[in-house]
Amino acid sequence: MSRFLTAAAAVTFGLTMAAAPIFAQDEQDEDGIVAPDGERVNQLIVYGEDPCPASTDNEITVCARKPEAERYRIPKPLRGIDSPQARAWTDRVEAYETVGSFGTLSCSPVGAGGSLGCTQDLIDKAYAEKANGSDVKFSELIAEEREKRLSTIDASAAAQQKRVEEAEKAYFAQDKKQQSEDAAAEDENGNATVESPVQEPETEPK
């Protein structure tokens, strides 16, 4: 009995530890997507005149704006997808052809070379998910927002460089002026010493 309880406790502890990274990942991605460089991306869909939150220094916020009439409707790519009329005849024929298929390029364990068709099957499923997915291209919106941010950074850096160059120019001009004034003052002091030499007192002959 004690062995059974020990084994059950070990299994429970293992499941808890295995699930911990999943919870941590969910908490990390709860507010947005975190890029490898630590940059956070927040993707939103706004409707009508809803405001789009502004981006911050550590977060890029992109908004896809849709008409107010689309707020409570089913997403456009998913409308009528289950109706028989929405399915092309080509897809129906391909579905009939793949029923009970085996052999080369069939993605089936039956027959020689059956596993060779699994890659193409995955590609077809990926394209199908892409066609039935959202019509909002967040990747393009994120790229545009990053370009806008980089252009702002370049403009700020250019303005800062210009201010630094102007400050250096003013400093060197002031230093040159100060050196000229010091040199002029030294020249005036030297001329005054030459024009008015110190006279030695005359001594009477004995």
Protein backbone atom coordinates (compact mmCIF):
# COMPACT_ATOMS: atom_id res chain seq x y z
CA MET A 1 0.00 0.00 0.00
CA SER A 2 2.80 2.40 0.89
CA ARG A 3 4.53 1.65 -2.41
CA PHE A 4 1.33 2.47 -4.29
CA LEU A 5 0.96 5.80 -2.47
CA THR A 6 4.61 6.66 -3.14
CA ALA A 7 4.23 5.90 -6.84
CA ALA A 8 1.02 7.95 -7.03
CA ALA A 9 2.71 10.91 -5.32
CA ALA A 10 5.66 10.70 -7.71
CA VAL A 11 3.36 10.66 -10.74
CA THR A 12 1.40 13.64 -9.41
CA PHE A 13 4.60 15.60 -8.75
CA GLY A 14 5.91 14.80 -12.24
CA LEU A 15 2.70 15.98 -13.89
CA THR A 16 2.78 19.19 -11.85
CA MET A 17 6.38 19.93 -12.81
CA ALA A 18 5.68 19.15 -16.46
CA ALA A 19 2.72 21.52 -16.54
CA ALA A 20 4.57 24.38 -14.81
CA PRO A 21 6.43 25.63 -17.94
CA ILE A 22 3.13 25.67 -19.83
CA PHE A 23 1.55 27.93 -17.21
CA ALA A 24 4.60 30.18 -17.25
CA GLN A 25 4.42 30.43 -21.04
CA ASP A 26 0.73 31.34 -20.88
CA GLU A 27 1.46 34.09 -18.36
CA GLN A 28 4.30 35.40 -20.49
CA ASP A 29 2.20 35.60 -23.66
CA GLU A 30 -0.95 36.80 -21.92
CA ASP A 31 -0.43 40.47 -22.83
CA GLY A 32 1.05 39.95 -26.29
CA ILE A 33 3.70 38.20 -28.36
CA VAL A 34 7.26 38.42 -27.04
CA ALA A 35 9.93 38.55 -29.74
CA PRO A 36 13.34 36.89 -29.21
CA ASP A 37 14.94 40.30 -28.61
CA GLY A 38 12.48 41.05 -25.79
CA GLU A 39 10.24 43.29 -27.87
CA ARG A 40 6.55 42.83 -27.06
CA VAL A 41 3.95 43.00 -29.85
CA ASN A 42 0.27 43.63 -29.11
CA GLN A 43 -2.17 42.77 -31.93
CA LEU A 44 -5.70 44.17 -31.78
CA ILE A 45 -8.76 44.39 -34.02
CA VAL A 46 -10.78 47.57 -33.48
CA TYR A 47 -14.15 48.46 -34.96
CA GLY A 48 -15.65 51.74 -36.05
CA GLU A 49 -14.20 54.70 -34.16
CA ASP A 50 -12.68 52.68 -31.31
CA PRO A 51 -9.28 54.15 -30.32
CA CYS A 52 -6.11 52.19 -30.91
CA PRO A 53 -3.73 52.15 -27.92
CA ALA A 54 -0.46 53.95 -28.55
CA SER A 55 2.80 52.03 -28.71
CA THR A 56 5.28 52.35 -25.87
CA ASP A 57 9.06 52.12 -25.73
CA ASN A 58 8.97 48.38 -25.00
CA GLU A 59 5.79 47.41 -26.85
CA ILE A 60 4.57 47.72 -30.43
CA THR A 61 0.78 47.95 -30.74
CA VAL A 62 -0.80 47.35 -34.14
CA CYS A 63 -4.52 47.67 -34.82
CA ALA A 64 -6.54 46.37 -37.73
CA ARG A 65 -9.61 48.60 -38.12
CA LYS A 66 -12.86 47.17 -39.45
CA PRO A 67 -16.28 48.75 -40.02
CA GLU A 68 -18.70 48.98 -37.11
CA ALA A 69 -21.08 46.60 -38.91
CA GLU A 70 -18.49 43.82 -38.59
CA ARG A 71 -18.26 43.97 -34.79
CA TYR A 72 -20.65 41.13 -33.95
CA ARG A 73 -20.54 39.21 -37.22
CA ILE A 74 -18.78 35.95 -37.99
CA PRO A 75 -15.34 36.63 -39.52
CA LYS A 76 -15.59 36.97 -43.28
CA PRO A 77 -13.34 33.97 -44.16
CA LEU A 78 -15.58 31.70 -42.04
CA ARG A 79 -18.97 32.76 -43.44
CA GLY A 80 -20.69 29.94 -45.26
CA ILE A 81 -17.68 27.66 -45.02
CA ASP A 82 -19.82 24.71 -43.90
CA SER A 83 -22.39 25.01 -46.68
CA PRO A 84 -22.14 22.49 -49.55
CA GLN A 85 -22.26 25.33 -52.06
CA ALA A 86 -19.02 26.76 -50.67
CA ARG A 87 -17.01 23.66 -51.56
CA ALA A 88 -15.46 23.47 -55.00
CA TRP A 89 -15.90 20.40 -57.17
CA THR A 90 -12.14 19.99 -57.35
CA ASP A 91 -11.97 19.51 -53.58
CA ARG A 92 -14.81 16.99 -53.70
CA VAL A 93 -13.10 14.92 -56.39
CA GLU A 94 -9.78 14.99 -54.51
CA ALA A 95 -11.58 13.86 -51.36
CA TYR A 96 -13.09 10.90 -53.23
CA GLU A 97 -9.71 10.01 -54.69
CA THR A 98 -8.02 9.89 -51.30
CA VAL A 99 -10.63 7.64 -49.68
CA GLY A 100 -8.94 4.33 -48.95
CA SER A 101 -5.74 5.38 -50.71
CA PHE A 102 -2.53 3.49 -50.00
CA GLY A 103 0.86 3.06 -51.54
CA THR A 104 3.35 5.64 -52.73
CA LEU A 105 2.62 9.29 -51.74
CA SER A 106 -0.52 8.30 -49.82
CA CYS A 107 0.71 9.23 -46.31
CA SER A 108 -0.38 5.80 -45.17
CA PRO A 109 1.45 2.98 -43.41
CA VAL A 110 -0.02 0.59 -45.98
CA GLY A 111 2.03 -0.19 -49.06
CA ALA A 112 5.54 0.68 -50.18
CA GLY A 113 6.39 4.38 -49.96
CA GLY A 114 3.15 5.24 -48.21
CA SER A 115 4.84 7.62 -45.78
CA LEU A 116 6.29 9.73 -48.60
CA GLY A 117 3.08 11.71 -49.02
CA CYS A 118 2.90 13.05 -45.46
CA THR A 119 4.95 16.16 -46.24
CA GLN A 120 2.64 17.15 -49.07
CA ASP A 121 -0.35 16.42 -46.85
CA LEU A 122 0.99 18.80 -44.19
CA ILE A 123 1.60 21.49 -46.82
CA ASP A 124 -1.95 21.15 -48.15
CA LYS A 125 -3.39 21.42 -44.64
CA ALA A 126 -1.27 24.50 -43.91
CA TYR A 127 -2.52 26.24 -47.06
CA ALA A 128 -6.09 25.31 -46.16
CA GLU A 129 -5.71 26.81 -42.68
CA LYS A 130 -4.20 29.94 -44.21
CA ALA A 131 -7.11 30.28 -46.63
CA ASN A 132 -9.66 29.87 -43.83
CA GLY A 133 -7.78 32.05 -41.36
CA SER A 134 -8.14 35.72 -40.54
CA ASP A 135 -8.02 38.22 -43.40
CA VAL A 136 -5.97 40.59 -41.24
CA LYS A 137 -2.26 40.47 -42.07
CA PHE A 138 -0.72 41.41 -38.75
CA SER A 139 2.79 40.65 -39.99
CA GLU A 140 2.57 43.52 -42.50
CA LEU A 141 1.14 45.87 -39.86
CA ILE A 142 3.96 44.98 -37.46
CA ALA A 143 6.58 45.54 -40.18
CA GLU A 144 5.09 48.97 -41.00
CA GLU A 145 5.04 49.95 -37.32
CA ARG A 146 8.67 48.90 -36.91
CA GLU A 147 9.71 50.93 -39.96
CA LYS A 148 7.85 53.93 -38.57
CA ARG A 149 9.60 53.52 -35.22
CA LEU A 150 13.01 53.17 -36.87
CA SER A 151 12.43 56.31 -38.95
CA THR A 152 11.54 58.20 -35.77
CA ILE A 153 14.67 56.91 -34.07
CA ASP A 154 16.82 57.99 -37.03
CA ALA A 155 15.26 61.47 -37.02
CA SER A 156 15.81 61.82 -33.26
CA ALA A 157 19.41 60.64 -33.60
CA ALA A 158 20.04 63.14 -36.41
CA ALA A 159 18.57 65.99 -34.35
CA GLN A 160 20.66 64.98 -31.34
CA GLN A 161 23.81 64.81 -33.49
CA LYS A 162 23.08 68.28 -34.86
CA ARG A 163 22.68 69.70 -31.35
CA VAL A 164 25.95 68.09 -30.26
CA GLU A 165 27.81 69.51 -33.27
CA GLU A 166 26.40 72.99 -32.63
CA ALA A 167 27.43 72.79 -28.96
CA GLU A 168 30.95 71.68 -29.93
CA LYS A 169 31.19 74.47 -32.49
CA ALA A 170 30.13 77.06 -29.91
CA TYR A 171 32.58 75.64 -27.37
CA PHE A 172 35.53 75.77 -29.78
CA ALA A 173 34.59 79.31 -30.88
CA GLN A 174 34.45 80.45 -27.25
CA ASP A 175 37.76 78.74 -26.52
CA LYS A 176 39.40 80.37 -29.54
CA LYS A 177 38.05 83.77 -28.51
CA GLN A 178 39.37 83.29 -24.98
CA GLN A 179 42.81 82.34 -26.29
CA SER A 180 42.86 85.44 -28.52
CA GLU A 181 41.93 87.68 -25.58
CA ASP A 182 44.62 86.09 -23.41
CA ALA A 183 47.23 86.56 -26.15
CA ALA A 184 46.22 90.21 -26.63
CA ALA A 185 46.45 90.82 -22.90
CA GLU A 186 49.94 89.30 -22.79
CA ASP A 187 51.04 91.50 -25.72
CA GLU A 188 49.76 94.65 -23.98
CA ASN A 189 51.56 93.74 -20.77
CA GLY A 190 54.80 93.12 -22.69
CA ASN A 191 54.63 96.47 -24.52
CA ALA A 192 53.95 98.32 -21.29
CA THR A 193 57.04 96.79 -19.73
CA VAL A 194 59.27 97.79 -22.67
CA GLU A 195 57.96 101.35 -22.91
CA SER A 196 58.28 102.05 -19.17
CA PRO A 197 61.44 100.32 -17.93
CA VAL A 198 62.28 100.52 -14.29
CA GLN A 199 64.89 103.27 -13.73
CA GLU A 200 67.74 102.52 -11.38
CA PRO A 201 68.54 105.22 -8.77
CA GLU A 202 71.61 107.38 -9.54
CA THR A 203 74.52 107.14 -7.12
CA GLU A 204 76.64 110.20 -6.23
CA PRO A 205 80.40 109.87 -6.85
CA LYS A 206 82.44 109.76 -3.70
